[in-house]
Amino acid sequence: MAGLADLKRLKKEIDAAAALAQAKLEAERAAAALVAKRQAATRNLFQAAVGKVQLLAPTGLADIKPAPPAPTPLQYERDAAAALQESLSDEVDVTTLLDTDEHLSFRRPGVGMDVVHKLRKGKWSIQRQIDLHGLRSDEARDALGSFVREAHKHGIRCVRVVHGKGLGSPGKAPVLKDKVHRWLVQKAEVVAFVQAQPAQGGAGALLVLLQPVRRALPVAP
């Protein structure tokens, strides 16, 4: 009889364990169903917020656009080309180009003496100046070339170039002064130049008249 009682008790335990497992399984299914219901509700809210959409057909290709090319520094290239073209020579003979009246002067062919007279009398006010004192010959040449080019590009008409009288040079010779004359006559931007008045530097400076800037005419509509 004891063996039969043990079997009945074991069967009850097995049935209880099975019922517990079934209840646990049903609880997990209920929880999963609740999560799915909440996810569906969230999707419905999103679709209601964005409205109707049109799905795109999958292409399998990535939309990769090439990077735009780097901008070309055109103005830098123009300036570099201009600097190469303005290799000013120290060997140009200017003796036939300078008018040695009571004061030294220079004018382009076709430019009348009246331009020189007006420049000397201050017809054009000095808008910019450069002082080449203390510079070596190559430094002064580069500085003067850049100065004239930039002044002309900005529409400046009259500038003063201070080169000194050469009193500090070996032998008291005005080496830089003579070279400035040679460099200026080679600059296409230069129309004329005259020795400055005593109050403006005298024999140690020049007043230089630059070409007017030619601006493009507007296109008629």
N, C-alpha and C. Protein backbone atom coordinates (compact mmCIF):
# COMPACT_ATOMS: atom_id res chain seq x y z
N MET A 1 0.82 -1.21 0.00
CA MET A 1 0.00 0.00 0.00
C MET A 1 0.85 1.25 0.00
N ALA A 2 2.00 1.12 0.69
CA ALA A 2 2.89 2.30 0.75
C ALA A 2 3.40 2.63 -0.63
N GLY A 3 3.70 1.65 -1.46
CA GLY A 3 4.20 1.93 -2.80
C GLY A 3 3.17 2.64 -3.66
N LEU A 4 1.91 2.28 -3.55
CA LEU A 4 0.84 2.93 -4.34
C LEU A 4 0.67 4.37 -3.91
N ALA A 5 0.80 4.62 -2.64
CA ALA A 5 0.65 6.01 -2.13
C ALA A 5 1.78 6.88 -2.67
N ASP A 6 2.99 6.30 -2.72
CA ASP A 6 4.13 7.08 -3.24
C ASP A 6 3.93 7.42 -4.71
N LEU A 7 3.40 6.48 -5.46
CA LEU A 7 3.17 6.73 -6.89
C LEU A 7 2.13 7.83 -7.08
N LYS A 8 1.07 7.82 -6.26
CA LYS A 8 0.05 8.86 -6.38
C LYS A 8 0.63 10.25 -6.06
N ARG A 9 1.50 10.24 -4.99
CA ARG A 9 2.10 11.53 -4.61
C ARG A 9 3.05 12.04 -5.72
N LEU A 10 3.80 11.14 -6.33
CA LEU A 10 4.72 11.52 -7.41
C LEU A 10 3.96 12.05 -8.61
N LYS A 11 2.80 11.39 -8.91
CA LYS A 11 2.00 11.84 -10.05
C LYS A 11 1.47 13.25 -9.79
N LYS A 12 1.06 13.52 -8.55
CA LYS A 12 0.55 14.85 -8.21
C LYS A 12 1.65 15.91 -8.39
N GLU A 13 2.87 15.53 -7.96
CA GLU A 13 3.98 16.49 -8.10
C GLU A 13 4.29 16.77 -9.57
N ILE A 14 4.24 15.70 -10.35
CA ILE A 14 4.50 15.88 -11.78
C ILE A 14 3.42 16.75 -12.42
N ASP A 15 2.16 16.47 -12.05
CA ASP A 15 1.05 17.27 -12.60
C ASP A 15 1.17 18.74 -12.17
N ALA A 16 1.60 18.97 -10.92
CA ALA A 16 1.75 20.35 -10.43
C ALA A 16 2.87 21.06 -11.18
N ALA A 17 3.98 20.35 -11.40
CA ALA A 17 5.10 20.95 -12.13
C ALA A 17 4.69 21.28 -13.56
N ALA A 18 3.92 20.37 -14.19
CA ALA A 18 3.48 20.61 -15.56
C ALA A 18 2.55 21.81 -15.62
N ALA A 19 1.66 21.93 -14.64
CA ALA A 19 0.73 23.07 -14.59
C ALA A 19 1.49 24.38 -14.40
N LEU A 20 2.52 24.33 -13.55
CA LEU A 20 3.33 25.54 -13.33
C LEU A 20 4.07 25.95 -14.59
N ALA A 21 4.63 24.96 -15.30
CA ALA A 21 5.34 25.25 -16.55
C ALA A 21 4.39 25.82 -17.59
N GLN A 22 3.17 25.27 -17.66
CA GLN A 22 2.18 25.76 -18.61
C GLN A 22 1.79 27.20 -18.29
N ALA A 23 1.62 27.48 -16.99
CA ALA A 23 1.26 28.84 -16.59
C ALA A 23 2.37 29.83 -16.94
N LYS A 24 3.61 29.39 -16.70
CA LYS A 24 4.75 30.25 -17.03
C LYS A 24 4.82 30.53 -18.53
N LEU A 25 4.58 29.49 -19.34
CA LEU A 25 4.60 29.65 -20.79
C LEU A 25 3.52 30.61 -21.25
N GLU A 26 2.33 30.46 -20.68
CA GLU A 26 1.22 31.35 -21.05
C GLU A 26 1.52 32.79 -20.64
N ALA A 27 2.19 32.97 -19.50
CA ALA A 27 2.55 34.32 -19.06
C ALA A 27 3.56 34.96 -20.02
N GLU A 28 4.55 34.16 -20.47
CA GLU A 28 5.55 34.67 -21.44
C GLU A 28 4.88 35.05 -22.76
N ARG A 29 3.93 34.20 -23.20
CA ARG A 29 3.22 34.50 -24.44
C ARG A 29 2.40 35.78 -24.31
N ALA A 30 1.79 35.97 -23.16
CA ALA A 30 0.99 37.17 -22.92
C ALA A 30 1.88 38.41 -22.92
N ALA A 31 3.07 38.30 -22.29
CA ALA A 31 4.00 39.42 -22.26
C ALA A 31 4.49 39.77 -23.67
N ALA A 32 4.82 38.73 -24.47
CA ALA A 32 5.27 38.97 -25.84
C ALA A 32 4.17 39.61 -26.67
N ALA A 33 2.95 39.17 -26.47
CA ALA A 33 1.82 39.75 -27.20
C ALA A 33 1.63 41.21 -26.83
N LEU A 34 1.84 41.53 -25.54
CA LEU A 34 1.70 42.92 -25.09
C LEU A 34 2.78 43.81 -25.71
N VAL A 35 4.02 43.30 -25.78
CA VAL A 35 5.12 44.07 -26.40
C VAL A 35 4.84 44.31 -27.88
N ALA A 36 4.38 43.25 -28.57
CA ALA A 36 4.06 43.39 -29.99
C ALA A 36 2.95 44.41 -30.21
N LYS A 37 1.95 44.38 -29.30
CA LYS A 37 0.84 45.33 -29.42
C LYS A 37 1.32 46.76 -29.24
N ARG A 38 2.24 46.97 -28.26
CA ARG A 38 2.77 48.32 -28.05
C ARG A 38 3.62 48.80 -29.23
N GLN A 39 4.41 47.89 -29.81
CA GLN A 39 5.23 48.25 -30.98
C GLN A 39 4.34 48.63 -32.17
N ALA A 40 3.26 47.87 -32.35
CA ALA A 40 2.33 48.17 -33.44
C ALA A 40 1.68 49.53 -33.21
N ALA A 41 1.36 49.83 -31.95
CA ALA A 41 0.75 51.12 -31.65
C ALA A 41 1.73 52.26 -31.93
N THR A 42 3.03 52.05 -31.61
CA THR A 42 4.05 53.07 -31.87
C THR A 42 4.20 53.31 -33.37
N ARG A 43 4.22 52.23 -34.18
CA ARG A 43 4.31 52.38 -35.64
C ARG A 43 3.11 53.13 -36.17
N ASN A 44 1.94 52.82 -35.64
CA ASN A 44 0.73 53.52 -36.10
C ASN A 44 0.79 55.01 -35.78
N LEU A 45 1.32 55.34 -34.60
CA LEU A 45 1.45 56.76 -34.25
C LEU A 45 2.43 57.47 -35.17
N PHE A 46 3.56 56.81 -35.49
CA PHE A 46 4.55 57.42 -36.39
C PHE A 46 3.96 57.63 -37.78
N GLN A 47 3.27 56.61 -38.31
CA GLN A 47 2.66 56.73 -39.63
C GLN A 47 1.60 57.81 -39.65
N ALA A 48 0.84 57.93 -38.55
CA ALA A 48 -0.17 58.98 -38.48
C ALA A 48 0.47 60.36 -38.46
N ALA A 49 1.67 60.46 -37.85
CA ALA A 49 2.35 61.75 -37.76
C ALA A 49 2.96 62.17 -39.09
N VAL A 50 3.60 61.24 -39.82
CA VAL A 50 4.28 61.60 -41.07
C VAL A 50 3.34 61.55 -42.27
N GLY A 51 2.21 60.92 -42.13
CA GLY A 51 1.29 60.83 -43.26
C GLY A 51 1.67 59.73 -44.22
N LYS A 52 1.12 59.83 -45.42
CA LYS A 52 1.36 58.80 -46.41
C LYS A 52 2.78 58.96 -46.99
N VAL A 53 3.45 57.86 -47.16
CA VAL A 53 4.78 57.86 -47.75
C VAL A 53 4.82 56.83 -48.87
N GLN A 54 5.80 57.06 -49.75
CA GLN A 54 5.97 56.13 -50.87
C GLN A 54 7.31 55.43 -50.72
N LEU A 55 7.29 54.15 -50.62
CA LEU A 55 8.52 53.40 -50.47
C LEU A 55 9.28 53.40 -51.79
N LEU A 56 10.59 53.56 -51.69
CA LEU A 56 11.44 53.53 -52.87
C LEU A 56 11.89 52.09 -53.13
N ALA A 57 11.96 51.79 -54.40
CA ALA A 57 12.40 50.45 -54.75
C ALA A 57 13.88 50.30 -54.42
N PRO A 58 14.29 49.23 -53.77
CA PRO A 58 15.71 49.04 -53.44
C PRO A 58 16.55 48.88 -54.69
N THR A 59 17.68 49.59 -54.75
CA THR A 59 18.56 49.51 -55.92
C THR A 59 19.82 48.72 -55.62
N GLY A 60 20.16 48.63 -54.33
CA GLY A 60 21.38 47.92 -53.99
C GLY A 60 22.64 48.74 -54.20
N LEU A 61 22.48 50.02 -54.58
CA LEU A 61 23.63 50.89 -54.85
C LEU A 61 23.70 51.99 -53.79
N ALA A 62 24.89 52.31 -53.38
CA ALA A 62 25.09 53.40 -52.44
C ALA A 62 25.15 54.72 -53.20
N ASP A 63 24.53 55.76 -52.64
CA ASP A 63 24.52 57.08 -53.27
C ASP A 63 25.76 57.85 -52.80
N ILE A 64 26.88 57.63 -53.48
CA ILE A 64 28.15 58.26 -53.12
C ILE A 64 28.50 59.29 -54.20
N LYS A 65 28.43 60.56 -53.85
CA LYS A 65 28.75 61.62 -54.80
C LYS A 65 30.22 62.00 -54.67
N PRO A 66 30.90 62.26 -55.79
CA PRO A 66 32.32 62.65 -55.70
C PRO A 66 32.47 64.00 -55.03
N ALA A 67 33.56 64.17 -54.31
CA ALA A 67 33.83 65.45 -53.64
C ALA A 67 34.10 66.53 -54.68
N PRO A 68 33.60 67.75 -54.46
CA PRO A 68 33.85 68.83 -55.43
C PRO A 68 35.32 69.15 -55.49
N PRO A 69 35.83 69.54 -56.66
CA PRO A 69 37.26 69.86 -56.78
C PRO A 69 37.61 71.09 -55.95
N ALA A 70 38.85 71.16 -55.51
CA ALA A 70 39.31 72.31 -54.73
C ALA A 70 39.31 73.56 -55.59
N PRO A 71 38.95 74.72 -55.01
CA PRO A 71 38.94 75.95 -55.80
C PRO A 71 40.32 76.31 -56.33
N THR A 72 40.37 76.79 -57.56
CA THR A 72 41.64 77.18 -58.17
C THR A 72 41.98 78.61 -57.78
N PRO A 73 43.15 78.85 -57.19
CA PRO A 73 43.53 80.22 -56.79
C PRO A 73 43.94 81.06 -58.00
N LEU A 74 42.94 81.53 -58.76
CA LEU A 74 43.23 82.23 -60.01
C LEU A 74 44.01 83.51 -59.78
N GLN A 75 43.60 84.30 -58.75
CA GLN A 75 44.29 85.56 -58.53
C GLN A 75 45.74 85.33 -58.13
N TYR A 76 45.98 84.29 -57.33
CA TYR A 76 47.36 83.97 -56.95
C TYR A 76 48.18 83.60 -58.18
N GLU A 77 47.58 82.83 -59.09
CA GLU A 77 48.30 82.44 -60.30
C GLU A 77 48.58 83.65 -61.19
N ARG A 78 47.60 84.58 -61.26
CA ARG A 78 47.84 85.79 -62.06
C ARG A 78 48.98 86.61 -61.46
N ASP A 79 48.98 86.75 -60.13
CA ASP A 79 50.03 87.53 -59.49
C ASP A 79 51.39 86.87 -59.68
N ALA A 80 51.40 85.54 -59.58
CA ALA A 80 52.68 84.83 -59.77
C ALA A 80 53.19 85.00 -61.19
N ALA A 81 52.24 84.93 -62.17
CA ALA A 81 52.65 85.12 -63.56
C ALA A 81 53.16 86.53 -63.79
N ALA A 82 52.49 87.51 -63.17
CA ALA A 82 52.94 88.90 -63.32
C ALA A 82 54.32 89.08 -62.70
N ALA A 83 54.56 88.43 -61.57
CA ALA A 83 55.87 88.55 -60.92
C ALA A 83 56.97 87.96 -61.79
N LEU A 84 56.65 86.86 -62.48
CA LEU A 84 57.64 86.27 -63.37
C LEU A 84 57.92 87.16 -64.58
N GLN A 85 56.89 87.83 -65.07
CA GLN A 85 57.04 88.66 -66.25
C GLN A 85 57.77 89.97 -65.94
N GLU A 86 57.78 90.34 -64.66
CA GLU A 86 58.37 91.63 -64.32
C GLU A 86 59.80 91.47 -63.81
N SER A 87 60.53 90.51 -64.36
CA SER A 87 61.93 90.33 -63.99
C SER A 87 62.70 91.55 -64.46
N LEU A 88 62.79 92.52 -63.60
CA LEU A 88 63.38 93.80 -63.96
C LEU A 88 64.90 93.68 -64.05
N SER A 89 65.44 94.20 -65.13
CA SER A 89 66.87 94.11 -65.36
C SER A 89 67.59 95.32 -64.77
N ASP A 90 68.80 95.07 -64.27
CA ASP A 90 69.64 96.16 -63.78
C ASP A 90 70.52 96.74 -64.88
N GLU A 91 70.45 96.13 -66.08
CA GLU A 91 71.38 96.52 -67.14
C GLU A 91 70.73 97.39 -68.21
N VAL A 92 69.48 97.80 -68.03
CA VAL A 92 68.82 98.63 -69.04
C VAL A 92 69.48 100.00 -69.08
N ASP A 93 69.79 100.48 -70.29
CA ASP A 93 70.39 101.81 -70.47
C ASP A 93 69.27 102.83 -70.55
N VAL A 94 69.18 103.69 -69.54
CA VAL A 94 68.09 104.67 -69.50
C VAL A 94 68.57 106.07 -69.86
N THR A 95 69.83 106.19 -70.25
CA THR A 95 70.36 107.53 -70.52
C THR A 95 69.62 108.22 -71.65
N THR A 96 69.11 107.43 -72.60
CA THR A 96 68.39 108.05 -73.72
C THR A 96 66.91 108.22 -73.42
N LEU A 97 66.44 107.68 -72.29
CA LEU A 97 65.03 107.76 -71.96
C LEU A 97 64.72 108.88 -70.97
N LEU A 98 65.73 109.36 -70.26
CA LEU A 98 65.50 110.37 -69.23
C LEU A 98 65.70 111.76 -69.79
N ASP A 99 64.81 112.66 -69.41
CA ASP A 99 64.95 114.07 -69.75
C ASP A 99 65.72 114.75 -68.63
N THR A 100 66.90 115.20 -68.93
CA THR A 100 67.72 115.86 -67.91
C THR A 100 67.63 117.36 -68.09
N ASP A 101 66.46 117.89 -67.75
CA ASP A 101 66.29 119.33 -67.74
C ASP A 101 66.81 119.84 -66.40
N GLU A 102 66.16 120.86 -65.84
CA GLU A 102 66.64 121.33 -64.54
C GLU A 102 66.47 120.26 -63.47
N HIS A 103 65.55 119.33 -63.70
CA HIS A 103 65.36 118.19 -62.82
C HIS A 103 65.15 116.96 -63.69
N LEU A 104 65.64 115.83 -63.22
CA LEU A 104 65.48 114.59 -63.98
C LEU A 104 64.01 114.21 -64.10
N SER A 105 63.62 113.67 -65.28
CA SER A 105 62.25 113.22 -65.48
C SER A 105 62.22 112.14 -66.57
N PHE A 106 61.09 111.43 -66.61
CA PHE A 106 60.88 110.39 -67.63
C PHE A 106 59.42 110.43 -68.06
N ARG A 107 59.19 110.20 -69.34
CA ARG A 107 57.82 110.10 -69.85
C ARG A 107 57.80 109.09 -70.99
N ARG A 108 56.71 108.37 -71.08
CA ARG A 108 56.54 107.39 -72.15
C ARG A 108 56.44 108.09 -73.50
N PRO A 109 56.83 107.41 -74.57
CA PRO A 109 56.61 107.98 -75.91
C PRO A 109 55.13 108.29 -76.10
N GLY A 110 54.86 109.47 -76.62
CA GLY A 110 53.48 109.90 -76.82
C GLY A 110 52.92 110.70 -75.67
N VAL A 111 53.63 110.75 -74.56
CA VAL A 111 53.19 111.52 -73.40
C VAL A 111 53.85 112.89 -73.47
N GLY A 112 53.04 113.95 -73.42
CA GLY A 112 53.55 115.30 -73.58
C GLY A 112 54.29 115.81 -72.35
N MET A 113 55.09 116.84 -72.57
CA MET A 113 55.82 117.46 -71.47
C MET A 113 54.87 118.09 -70.46
N ASP A 114 53.65 118.42 -70.90
CA ASP A 114 52.71 119.04 -69.96
C ASP A 114 52.38 118.07 -68.81
N VAL A 115 52.39 116.76 -69.10
CA VAL A 115 52.14 115.77 -68.05
C VAL A 115 53.25 115.83 -67.01
N VAL A 116 54.50 115.94 -67.48
CA VAL A 116 55.63 116.04 -66.57
C VAL A 116 55.54 117.30 -65.73
N HIS A 117 55.20 118.43 -66.35
CA HIS A 117 55.08 119.68 -65.62
C HIS A 117 54.00 119.59 -64.55
N LYS A 118 52.83 119.01 -64.92
CA LYS A 118 51.74 118.89 -63.95
C LYS A 118 52.12 117.97 -62.80
N LEU A 119 52.84 116.90 -63.12
CA LEU A 119 53.27 115.97 -62.07
C LEU A 119 54.22 116.67 -61.11
N ARG A 120 55.12 117.45 -61.65
CA ARG A 120 56.09 118.15 -60.81
C ARG A 120 55.42 119.22 -59.95
N LYS A 121 54.37 119.84 -60.47
CA LYS A 121 53.69 120.91 -59.74
C LYS A 121 52.62 120.39 -58.78
N GLY A 122 52.46 119.07 -58.70
CA GLY A 122 51.51 118.51 -57.75
C GLY A 122 50.09 118.41 -58.27
N LYS A 123 49.93 118.31 -59.60
CA LYS A 123 48.60 118.15 -60.18
C LYS A 123 47.92 116.90 -59.62
N TRP A 124 48.70 115.84 -59.48
CA TRP A 124 48.19 114.59 -58.89
C TRP A 124 48.72 114.49 -57.46
N SER A 125 47.82 114.32 -56.52
CA SER A 125 48.24 114.19 -55.12
C SER A 125 48.83 112.81 -54.89
N ILE A 126 49.81 112.75 -54.00
CA ILE A 126 50.47 111.48 -53.68
C ILE A 126 49.51 110.62 -52.87
N GLN A 127 49.20 109.43 -53.39
CA GLN A 127 48.24 108.55 -52.74
C GLN A 127 48.89 107.43 -51.94
N ARG A 128 50.09 107.03 -52.36
CA ARG A 128 50.83 106.01 -51.63
C ARG A 128 52.32 106.26 -51.81
N GLN A 129 53.12 105.65 -50.94
CA GLN A 129 54.57 105.79 -51.08
C GLN A 129 55.26 104.54 -50.57
N ILE A 130 56.51 104.37 -51.02
CA ILE A 130 57.33 103.25 -50.56
C ILE A 130 58.72 103.79 -50.29
N ASP A 131 59.30 103.34 -49.20
CA ASP A 131 60.65 103.75 -48.81
C ASP A 131 61.57 102.54 -48.95
N LEU A 132 62.55 102.66 -49.85
CA LEU A 132 63.46 101.56 -50.14
C LEU A 132 64.76 101.66 -49.36
N HIS A 133 64.84 102.60 -48.45
CA HIS A 133 66.05 102.77 -47.65
C HIS A 133 66.41 101.47 -46.93
N GLY A 134 67.68 101.14 -46.94
CA GLY A 134 68.16 100.01 -46.16
C GLY A 134 67.96 98.66 -46.80
N LEU A 135 67.33 98.59 -47.97
CA LEU A 135 67.10 97.31 -48.63
C LEU A 135 68.25 96.97 -49.57
N ARG A 136 68.55 95.70 -49.67
CA ARG A 136 69.52 95.26 -50.67
C ARG A 136 68.90 95.42 -52.06
N SER A 137 69.73 95.35 -53.07
CA SER A 137 69.27 95.61 -54.44
C SER A 137 68.14 94.66 -54.84
N ASP A 138 68.30 93.35 -54.56
CA ASP A 138 67.26 92.40 -54.97
C ASP A 138 65.98 92.60 -54.16
N GLU A 139 66.13 92.95 -52.87
CA GLU A 139 64.95 93.21 -52.04
C GLU A 139 64.21 94.46 -52.54
N ALA A 140 64.98 95.50 -52.87
CA ALA A 140 64.36 96.74 -53.35
C ALA A 140 63.65 96.52 -54.67
N ARG A 141 64.24 95.72 -55.57
CA ARG A 141 63.62 95.45 -56.87
C ARG A 141 62.29 94.73 -56.70
N ASP A 142 62.27 93.69 -55.85
CA ASP A 142 61.02 92.95 -55.63
C ASP A 142 59.98 93.82 -54.95
N ALA A 143 60.41 94.61 -53.97
CA ALA A 143 59.46 95.46 -53.24
C ALA A 143 58.87 96.51 -54.16
N LEU A 144 59.69 97.11 -55.01
CA LEU A 144 59.19 98.14 -55.92
C LEU A 144 58.24 97.55 -56.95
N GLY A 145 58.59 96.38 -57.50
CA GLY A 145 57.71 95.74 -58.48
C GLY A 145 56.35 95.42 -57.90
N SER A 146 56.32 94.85 -56.70
CA SER A 146 55.05 94.52 -56.05
C SER A 146 54.26 95.78 -55.71
N PHE A 147 54.96 96.80 -55.24
CA PHE A 147 54.30 98.05 -54.86
C PHE A 147 53.60 98.69 -56.05
N VAL A 148 54.30 98.79 -57.18
CA VAL A 148 53.72 99.41 -58.37
C VAL A 148 52.55 98.59 -58.88
N ARG A 149 52.70 97.27 -58.90
CA ARG A 149 51.63 96.40 -59.40
C ARG A 149 50.37 96.52 -58.55
N GLU A 150 50.54 96.49 -57.23
CA GLU A 150 49.39 96.56 -56.33
C GLU A 150 48.72 97.94 -56.39
N ALA A 151 49.53 99.00 -56.43
CA ALA A 151 48.97 100.35 -56.51
C ALA A 151 48.15 100.52 -57.78
N HIS A 152 48.67 100.05 -58.90
CA HIS A 152 47.93 100.17 -60.17
C HIS A 152 46.66 99.35 -60.13
N LYS A 153 46.71 98.15 -59.54
CA LYS A 153 45.54 97.28 -59.48
C LYS A 153 44.41 97.94 -58.69
N HIS A 154 44.75 98.78 -57.71
CA HIS A 154 43.76 99.46 -56.89
C HIS A 154 43.41 100.85 -57.41
N GLY A 155 43.83 101.17 -58.62
CA GLY A 155 43.43 102.43 -59.23
C GLY A 155 44.21 103.64 -58.74
N ILE A 156 45.35 103.43 -58.06
CA ILE A 156 46.18 104.55 -57.60
C ILE A 156 46.87 105.18 -58.81
N ARG A 157 46.88 106.52 -58.88
CA ARG A 157 47.49 107.21 -60.02
C ARG A 157 48.88 107.78 -59.70
N CYS A 158 49.08 108.27 -58.48
CA CYS A 158 50.34 108.94 -58.18
C CYS A 158 50.95 108.37 -56.89
N VAL A 159 52.23 107.98 -56.97
CA VAL A 159 52.92 107.43 -55.81
C VAL A 159 54.29 108.10 -55.68
N ARG A 160 54.85 107.99 -54.49
CA ARG A 160 56.21 108.49 -54.26
C ARG A 160 57.11 107.32 -53.94
N VAL A 161 58.27 107.28 -54.57
CA VAL A 161 59.27 106.23 -54.34
C VAL A 161 60.50 106.90 -53.73
N VAL A 162 60.79 106.55 -52.49
CA VAL A 162 61.95 107.10 -51.80
C VAL A 162 63.11 106.12 -51.95
N HIS A 163 64.16 106.54 -52.65
CA HIS A 163 65.31 105.66 -52.88
C HIS A 163 66.56 106.16 -52.17
N GLY A 164 66.53 107.37 -51.65
CA GLY A 164 67.69 107.93 -50.98
C GLY A 164 68.66 108.57 -51.95
N LYS A 165 69.61 109.30 -51.40
CA LYS A 165 70.59 110.01 -52.23
C LYS A 165 71.90 109.26 -52.35
N GLY A 166 71.98 108.10 -51.73
CA GLY A 166 73.20 107.31 -51.85
C GLY A 166 74.34 107.78 -50.97
N LEU A 167 74.07 108.62 -50.00
CA LEU A 167 75.14 109.15 -49.16
C LEU A 167 75.76 108.08 -48.28
N GLY A 168 74.99 107.02 -48.02
CA GLY A 168 75.52 105.95 -47.18
C GLY A 168 76.15 104.83 -47.98
N SER A 169 76.18 104.95 -49.30
CA SER A 169 76.75 103.91 -50.16
C SER A 169 78.26 104.09 -50.26
N PRO A 170 78.97 103.00 -50.59
CA PRO A 170 80.42 103.13 -50.79
C PRO A 170 80.72 104.14 -51.90
N GLY A 171 81.61 105.05 -51.63
CA GLY A 171 81.94 106.05 -52.62
C GLY A 171 80.88 107.12 -52.78
N LYS A 172 79.87 107.12 -51.90
CA LYS A 172 78.77 108.09 -51.96
C LYS A 172 78.05 108.05 -53.31
N ALA A 173 78.08 106.92 -54.01
CA ALA A 173 77.44 106.81 -55.33
C ALA A 173 75.99 106.39 -55.13
N PRO A 174 75.05 107.05 -55.84
CA PRO A 174 73.61 106.72 -55.71
C PRO A 174 73.25 105.46 -56.48
N VAL A 175 73.74 104.30 -56.01
CA VAL A 175 73.54 103.04 -56.73
C VAL A 175 72.06 102.71 -56.82
N LEU A 176 71.35 102.75 -55.71
CA LEU A 176 69.94 102.38 -55.70
C LEU A 176 69.11 103.36 -56.51
N LYS A 177 69.46 104.62 -56.46
CA LYS A 177 68.74 105.63 -57.23
C LYS A 177 68.78 105.31 -58.72
N ASP A 178 69.97 105.00 -59.23
CA ASP A 178 70.09 104.68 -60.65
C ASP A 178 69.32 103.42 -61.01
N LYS A 179 69.35 102.44 -60.11
CA LYS A 179 68.64 101.19 -60.40
C LYS A 179 67.12 101.41 -60.39
N VAL A 180 66.62 102.24 -59.50
CA VAL A 180 65.19 102.54 -59.47
C VAL A 180 64.74 103.15 -60.79
N HIS A 181 65.58 104.04 -61.37
CA HIS A 181 65.25 104.59 -62.69
C HIS A 181 65.12 103.48 -63.72
N ARG A 182 66.07 102.53 -63.72
CA ARG A 182 66.04 101.44 -64.69
C ARG A 182 64.80 100.55 -64.49
N TRP A 183 64.47 100.28 -63.24
CA TRP A 183 63.33 99.41 -62.96
C TRP A 183 62.01 100.07 -63.37
N LEU A 184 61.87 101.35 -63.07
CA LEU A 184 60.60 102.03 -63.35
C LEU A 184 60.31 102.13 -64.84
N VAL A 185 61.33 102.38 -65.65
CA VAL A 185 61.07 102.52 -67.09
C VAL A 185 60.66 101.19 -67.70
N GLN A 186 60.93 100.07 -67.01
CA GLN A 186 60.53 98.76 -67.51
C GLN A 186 59.12 98.36 -67.08
N LYS A 187 58.52 99.14 -66.19
CA LYS A 187 57.18 98.83 -65.70
C LYS A 187 56.14 99.46 -66.62
N ALA A 188 55.31 98.61 -67.23
CA ALA A 188 54.29 99.11 -68.16
C ALA A 188 53.27 100.00 -67.46
N GLU A 189 53.12 99.85 -66.14
CA GLU A 189 52.15 100.65 -65.41
C GLU A 189 52.58 102.11 -65.27
N VAL A 190 53.88 102.38 -65.47
CA VAL A 190 54.43 103.72 -65.25
C VAL A 190 54.25 104.58 -66.49
N VAL A 191 53.61 105.74 -66.33
CA VAL A 191 53.45 106.71 -67.42
C VAL A 191 54.63 107.67 -67.44
N ALA A 192 54.99 108.19 -66.28
CA ALA A 192 56.05 109.18 -66.18
C ALA A 192 56.52 109.25 -64.74
N PHE A 193 57.72 109.82 -64.55
CA PHE A 193 58.15 110.14 -63.19
C PHE A 193 59.07 111.34 -63.22
N VAL A 194 59.11 112.05 -62.11
CA VAL A 194 59.96 113.24 -61.98
C VAL A 194 60.64 113.19 -60.62
N GLN A 195 61.74 113.93 -60.53
CA GLN A 195 62.38 114.08 -59.23
C GLN A 195 61.48 114.90 -58.32
N ALA A 196 61.39 114.47 -57.06
CA ALA A 196 60.48 115.13 -56.13
C ALA A 196 60.96 116.53 -55.78
N GLN A 197 60.03 117.37 -55.36
CA GLN A 197 60.38 118.69 -54.86
C GLN A 197 61.15 118.54 -53.55
N PRO A 198 61.93 119.56 -53.16
CA PRO A 198 62.73 119.46 -51.93
C PRO A 198 61.90 119.07 -50.71
N ALA A 199 60.68 119.59 -50.60
CA ALA A 199 59.84 119.28 -49.44
C ALA A 199 59.34 117.84 -49.47
N GLN A 200 59.44 117.18 -50.63
CA GLN A 200 58.95 115.81 -50.78
C GLN A 200 60.07 114.79 -50.88
N GLY A 201 61.30 115.23 -50.66
CA GLY A 201 62.43 114.30 -50.71
C GLY A 201 63.52 114.70 -51.65
N GLY A 202 63.24 115.67 -52.56
CA GLY A 202 64.27 116.17 -53.47
C GLY A 202 64.90 115.07 -54.30
N ALA A 203 66.24 115.10 -54.35
CA ALA A 203 66.98 114.14 -55.18
C ALA A 203 66.93 112.72 -54.62
N GLY A 204 66.33 112.54 -53.44
CA GLY A 204 66.24 111.20 -52.86
C GLY A 204 64.92 110.51 -53.09
N ALA A 205 64.06 111.11 -53.93
CA ALA A 205 62.73 110.51 -54.15
C ALA A 205 62.22 110.85 -55.54
N LEU A 206 61.26 110.08 -56.00
CA LEU A 206 60.62 110.29 -57.30
C LEU A 206 59.11 110.33 -57.11
N LEU A 207 58.46 111.17 -57.90
CA LEU A 207 57.00 111.14 -58.02
C LEU A 207 56.67 110.38 -59.28
N VAL A 208 55.85 109.35 -59.16
CA VAL A 208 55.59 108.44 -60.28
C VAL A 208 54.10 108.48 -60.61
N LEU A 209 53.81 108.69 -61.91
CA LEU A 209 52.43 108.68 -62.40
C LEU A 209 52.15 107.33 -63.04
N LEU A 210 51.06 106.67 -62.61
CA LEU A 210 50.70 105.35 -63.12
C LEU A 210 49.56 105.44 -64.13
N GLN A 211 49.48 104.42 -64.96
CA GLN A 211 48.42 104.32 -65.95
C GLN A 211 47.07 104.22 -65.26
N PRO A 212 46.04 104.82 -65.84
CA PRO A 212 44.70 104.60 -65.28
C PRO A 212 44.26 103.17 -65.52
N VAL A 213 43.45 102.66 -64.62
CA VAL A 213 42.95 101.29 -64.76
C VAL A 213 41.86 101.26 -65.82
N ARG A 214 42.00 100.38 -66.77
CA ARG A 214 40.98 100.23 -67.83
C ARG A 214 39.93 99.25 -67.34
N ARG A 215 38.76 99.74 -67.07
CA ARG A 215 37.67 98.90 -66.58
C ARG A 215 36.79 98.47 -67.74
N ALA A 216 36.27 97.25 -67.64
CA ALA A 216 35.42 96.71 -68.71
C ALA A 216 34.13 97.51 -68.79
N LEU A 217 33.70 97.83 -70.02
CA LEU A 217 32.45 98.54 -70.22
C LEU A 217 31.27 97.61 -69.94
N PRO A 218 30.18 98.14 -69.37
CA PRO A 218 29.01 97.29 -69.12
C PRO A 218 28.39 96.83 -70.42
N VAL A 219 27.90 95.61 -70.41
CA VAL A 219 27.28 95.04 -71.60
C VAL A 219 25.85 95.55 -71.70
N ALA A 220 25.49 96.04 -72.88
CA ALA A 220 24.14 96.57 -73.09
C ALA A 220 23.12 95.44 -73.01
N PRO A 221 21.98 95.66 -72.36
CA PRO A 221 20.97 94.59 -72.25
C PRO A 221 20.36 94.27 -73.62
